[in-house]
């Protein structure tokens, strides 16, 4: 009987591992999707009435008001600019640049506003990214020199990519945050465990983005993780009980 439970345990570990690989290959983020969809949605004004703040994080809807946005030229003003530049060097993707620029802003509706510092956001921002792929020689400085240095150490560079995520001052946001009050009783939004979740998409669109590029593979991976977890629990508990029970 011990052998049976041991086989169940090993099978559960294998299924769980393979399923997580499938989820990652599909580009899905199920844990983030649960964190975004789980909290109840409230407007900013609902948190300004002086009532006791909710004990759990909430999903707050509002628009951006920022007095000192990032000016990117051509009239584009941002509160968050995230860019990751990577190169495939020696067959492995390696980081060339990880740029994070943010500005604090007020999340507001017609009933009031609450401050948010996007530097406390979980990554990646839940926005539709701008993705560039090309030859490493097409990179501009200082990225081209950085890739050359990586090539000297690790081998030939065969591909490069840049992924950019933006939050524009004109966006309407959903922010998962923990409401608190300061020492003077004024409400504020703090990052929950894991950081703020911030998206400029409608909830349904954000969930589709977090579902990855291959929805069938992602769904199968999530189901596989659940099945594998059950098998691990059954095998582990069964083995432990047989080890402590007499006879």
Protein backbone atom coordinates (compact mmCIF):
# COMPACT_ATOMS: atom_id res chain seq x y z
CA UNK A 1 0.00 0.00 0.00
CA UNK A 2 2.89 2.36 0.75
CA UNK A 3 4.14 1.80 -2.78
CA UNK A 4 0.74 2.76 -4.22
CA UNK A 5 0.66 6.06 -2.35
CA UNK A 6 4.28 6.73 -3.30
CA UNK A 7 3.42 6.23 -6.99
CA UNK A 8 0.43 8.57 -6.61
CA UNK A 9 2.69 11.20 -5.00
CA UNK A 10 5.31 10.98 -7.75
CA UNK A 11 2.62 11.06 -10.45
CA UNK A 12 1.16 14.20 -8.85
CA UNK A 13 4.54 15.92 -8.84
CA UNK A 14 5.09 15.04 -12.50
CA UNK A 15 1.62 16.22 -13.56
CA UNK A 16 1.96 19.46 -11.58
CA UNK A 17 5.38 20.23 -13.02
CA UNK A 18 4.35 19.50 -16.61
CA UNK A 19 1.17 21.53 -16.20
CA UNK A 20 3.03 24.57 -14.87
CA UNK A 21 5.37 24.37 -17.87
CA UNK A 22 2.31 24.34 -20.14
CA UNK A 23 0.90 27.42 -18.39
CA UNK A 24 4.18 29.30 -18.81
CA UNK A 25 4.53 28.29 -22.47
CA UNK A 26 1.00 29.60 -23.08
CA UNK A 27 2.00 32.94 -21.55
CA UNK A 28 -0.78 32.75 -18.97
CA UNK A 29 -0.75 34.35 -15.52
CA UNK A 30 -3.49 32.53 -13.56
CA UNK A 31 -2.41 33.79 -10.14
CA UNK A 32 -2.49 37.40 -11.33
CA UNK A 33 -5.87 36.80 -12.99
CA UNK A 34 -7.28 35.57 -9.69
CA UNK A 35 -5.86 38.57 -7.83
CA UNK A 36 -7.40 40.96 -10.36
CA UNK A 37 -10.83 39.36 -10.72
CA UNK A 38 -11.33 38.32 -7.10
CA UNK A 39 -11.77 41.65 -5.23
CA UNK A 40 -15.02 43.56 -5.44
CA UNK A 41 -14.91 46.69 -7.61
CA UNK A 42 -15.58 50.09 -6.07
CA UNK A 43 -15.43 53.67 -7.25
CA UNK A 44 -13.05 56.10 -5.60
CA UNK A 45 -15.91 58.00 -4.01
CA UNK A 46 -17.05 54.90 -2.11
CA UNK A 47 -13.80 54.96 -0.12
CA UNK A 48 -14.06 58.62 0.88
CA UNK A 49 -17.16 58.54 3.05
CA UNK A 50 -15.39 58.06 6.36
CA UNK A 51 -16.50 54.46 6.83
CA UNK A 52 -14.11 51.80 8.09
CA UNK A 53 -11.89 50.73 5.18
CA UNK A 54 -12.49 47.22 3.78
CA UNK A 55 -10.31 44.58 5.42
CA UNK A 56 -9.46 43.03 2.06
CA UNK A 57 -8.03 44.56 -1.11
CA UNK A 58 -10.55 46.05 -3.53
CA UNK A 59 -10.48 46.83 -7.24
CA UNK A 60 -10.77 50.61 -7.54
CA UNK A 61 -11.96 52.21 -10.78
CA UNK A 62 -11.05 55.75 -11.72
CA UNK A 63 -9.18 58.10 -14.01
CA UNK A 64 -5.70 59.63 -13.79
CA UNK A 65 -4.89 63.14 -12.65
CA UNK A 66 -1.17 63.96 -12.64
CA UNK A 67 0.48 67.37 -12.31
CA UNK A 68 3.95 66.19 -13.37
CA UNK A 69 3.62 63.42 -15.98
CA UNK A 70 6.45 61.95 -18.02
CA UNK A 71 6.60 63.98 -21.24
CA UNK A 72 7.50 61.61 -24.08
CA UNK A 73 7.01 64.19 -26.86
CA UNK A 74 4.33 64.36 -29.55
CA UNK A 75 1.79 65.12 -26.83
CA UNK A 76 2.22 61.75 -25.11
CA UNK A 77 2.16 62.11 -21.32
CA UNK A 78 2.63 59.08 -19.11
CA UNK A 79 2.56 58.03 -15.45
CA UNK A 80 4.42 54.76 -16.08
CA UNK A 81 6.99 53.73 -18.69
CA UNK A 82 8.36 50.19 -18.45
CA UNK A 83 10.79 48.86 -21.06
CA UNK A 84 12.68 45.58 -21.13
CA UNK A 85 15.35 45.00 -23.77
CA UNK A 86 16.70 41.46 -24.08
CA UNK A 87 18.97 39.61 -26.47
CA UNK A 88 19.32 35.92 -27.21
CA UNK A 89 23.02 35.38 -26.56
CA UNK A 90 24.55 31.91 -26.62
CA UNK A 91 21.04 30.48 -27.03
CA UNK A 92 19.70 32.13 -23.84
CA UNK A 93 17.64 35.30 -23.45
CA UNK A 94 19.66 37.79 -21.39
CA UNK A 95 18.63 41.19 -20.03
CA UNK A 96 20.18 44.23 -21.71
CA UNK A 97 18.04 46.94 -20.10
CA UNK A 98 15.29 47.11 -17.51
CA UNK A 99 13.94 50.66 -17.42
CA UNK A 100 11.23 51.77 -14.98
CA UNK A 101 10.03 55.39 -14.88
CA UNK A 102 6.90 56.40 -12.97
CA UNK A 103 5.04 59.42 -11.63
CA UNK A 104 2.68 59.45 -8.67
CA UNK A 105 -0.88 60.41 -9.59
CA UNK A 106 -4.39 60.78 -8.21
CA UNK A 107 -6.96 58.15 -9.11
CA UNK A 108 -10.20 60.12 -9.25
CA UNK A 109 -13.86 60.12 -10.06
CA UNK A 110 -16.50 62.84 -9.61
CA UNK A 111 -16.68 62.15 -5.87
CA UNK A 112 -13.00 62.62 -5.04
CA UNK A 113 -9.48 61.25 -5.50
CA UNK A 114 -6.88 59.01 -3.88
CA UNK A 115 -3.11 59.03 -4.45
CA UNK A 116 -1.36 56.10 -6.11
CA UNK A 117 2.39 55.60 -6.60
CA UNK A 118 2.80 53.20 -9.55
CA UNK A 119 6.34 52.44 -8.39
CA UNK A 120 4.61 50.01 -6.01
CA UNK A 121 2.92 48.09 -8.84
CA UNK A 122 3.33 44.38 -9.42
CA UNK A 123 4.91 43.47 -12.73
CA UNK A 124 4.16 43.26 -15.49
CA UNK A 125 1.64 46.08 -15.82
CA UNK A 126 -1.57 44.59 -17.20
CA UNK A 127 -1.55 46.52 -20.47
CA UNK A 128 -1.21 45.55 -24.11
CA UNK A 129 2.56 45.70 -24.64
CA UNK A 130 4.41 47.09 -27.61
CA UNK A 131 6.83 44.36 -28.75
CA UNK A 132 9.75 44.78 -31.16
CA UNK A 133 11.85 41.87 -32.40
CA UNK A 134 14.81 42.09 -34.72
CA UNK A 135 18.50 41.61 -35.31
CA UNK A 136 20.81 42.75 -32.48
CA UNK A 137 22.63 44.98 -34.96
CA UNK A 138 19.42 47.02 -35.30
CA UNK A 139 19.61 48.08 -31.64
CA UNK A 140 20.67 51.62 -30.85
CA UNK A 141 23.34 52.64 -28.36
CA UNK A 142 23.97 51.89 -25.57
CA UNK A 143 22.09 48.63 -26.15
CA UNK A 144 24.24 47.55 -29.10
CA UNK A 145 27.43 47.87 -27.04
CA UNK A 146 25.84 46.00 -24.13
CA UNK A 147 24.93 43.12 -26.45
CA UNK A 148 28.47 43.09 -27.82
CA UNK A 149 29.86 42.72 -24.29
CA UNK A 150 27.44 39.87 -23.57
CA UNK A 151 28.49 38.18 -26.82
CA UNK A 152 32.15 38.33 -25.83
CA UNK A 153 31.34 36.40 -22.65
CA UNK A 154 28.53 34.05 -23.68
CA UNK A 155 28.58 33.53 -27.44
CA UNK A 156 26.88 34.89 -30.55
CA UNK A 157 23.82 37.15 -30.29
CA UNK A 158 21.13 35.95 -32.68
CA UNK A 159 17.99 37.94 -31.81
CA UNK A 160 16.86 40.96 -29.83
CA UNK A 161 13.52 42.15 -28.47
CA UNK A 162 12.12 45.17 -26.67
CA UNK A 163 8.87 45.07 -24.71
CA UNK A 164 7.33 48.40 -23.67
CA UNK A 165 4.35 48.92 -21.36
CA UNK A 166 2.78 52.35 -20.81
CA UNK A 167 0.15 54.04 -18.66
CA UNK A 168 -1.08 57.24 -20.29
CA UNK A 169 -2.66 60.13 -18.38
CA UNK A 170 -5.79 59.69 -20.51
CA UNK A 171 -6.30 56.07 -19.39
CA UNK A 172 -9.10 54.83 -17.18
CA UNK A 173 -7.60 52.44 -14.65
CA UNK A 174 -8.53 49.50 -12.50
CA UNK A 175 -6.22 49.29 -9.48
CA UNK A 176 -6.23 46.45 -6.95
CA UNK A 177 -5.19 48.12 -3.70
CA UNK A 178 -5.62 47.90 0.06
CA UNK A 179 -7.62 50.84 1.49
CA UNK A 180 -6.22 52.25 4.74
CA UNK A 181 -6.54 55.38 6.83
CA UNK A 182 -3.58 57.45 8.00
CA UNK A 183 -3.02 58.76 11.54
CA UNK A 184 -5.42 61.63 10.88
CA UNK A 185 -8.15 59.34 9.58
CA UNK A 186 -7.71 60.24 5.91
CA UNK A 187 -8.21 57.38 3.44
CA UNK A 188 -5.38 56.20 1.23
CA UNK A 189 -4.55 53.30 -1.07
CA UNK A 190 -1.62 51.06 -0.16
CA UNK A 191 -0.05 48.27 -2.22
CA UNK A 192 -1.48 44.90 -1.13
CA UNK A 193 0.78 41.86 -0.75
CA UNK A 194 2.55 41.49 -4.09
CA UNK A 195 2.05 45.14 -5.08
CA UNK A 196 -0.71 47.08 -6.80
CA UNK A 197 -2.30 45.40 -9.80
CA UNK A 198 -2.83 48.10 -12.43
CA UNK A 199 -4.56 47.78 -15.79
CA UNK A 200 -5.89 50.26 -18.34
CA UNK A 201 -8.12 47.56 -19.85
CA UNK A 202 -11.70 46.62 -19.09
CA UNK A 203 -11.81 43.63 -16.75
CA UNK A 204 -12.87 41.15 -19.44
CA UNK A 205 -10.09 42.32 -21.77
CA UNK A 206 -7.53 42.15 -18.95
CA UNK A 207 -8.57 38.58 -18.17
CA UNK A 208 -8.16 37.59 -21.81
CA UNK A 209 -4.68 39.14 -21.83
CA UNK A 210 -3.72 37.24 -18.67
CA UNK A 211 -5.06 34.04 -20.25
CA UNK A 212 -2.08 33.97 -22.61
CA UNK A 213 -1.75 33.43 -26.33
CA UNK A 214 -2.89 29.80 -26.29
CA UNK A 215 -6.09 29.67 -24.25
CA UNK A 216 -6.60 25.92 -24.70
CA UNK A 217 -3.07 25.09 -23.54
CA UNK A 218 -3.39 27.49 -20.60
CA UNK A 219 -6.74 26.02 -19.53
CA UNK A 220 -5.36 22.51 -19.76
CA UNK A 221 -2.34 23.55 -17.72
CA UNK A 222 -4.46 25.06 -14.95
CA UNK A 223 -6.65 21.95 -14.81
CA UNK A 224 -3.52 19.79 -14.76
CA UNK A 225 -2.10 21.78 -11.84
CA UNK A 226 -5.32 21.22 -9.90
CA UNK A 227 -5.29 17.47 -10.63
CA UNK A 228 -1.59 17.19 -9.80
CA UNK A 229 -2.11 19.02 -6.52
CA UNK A 230 -4.87 16.59 -5.53
CA UNK A 231 -2.65 13.62 -6.37
CA UNK A 232 0.22 15.06 -4.34
CA UNK A 233 -2.08 15.58 -1.34
CA UNK A 234 -3.54 12.08 -1.59
CA UNK A 235 -0.15 10.46 -2.02
CA UNK A 236 1.51 12.51 0.70
CA UNK A 237 -1.25 12.14 3.28
CA UNK A 238 -1.67 8.44 2.53
CA UNK A 239 2.04 7.78 2.90
CA UNK A 240 2.21 9.76 6.13
CA UNK A 241 -0.75 7.92 7.66
CA UNK A 242 0.69 4.53 6.79
CA UNK A 243 3.99 5.58 8.33
CA UNK A 244 2.46 6.49 11.71
CA UNK A 245 -0.33 3.93 12.01
CA UNK A 246 0.62 0.66 13.72
CA UNK A 247 0.73 -2.54 11.70
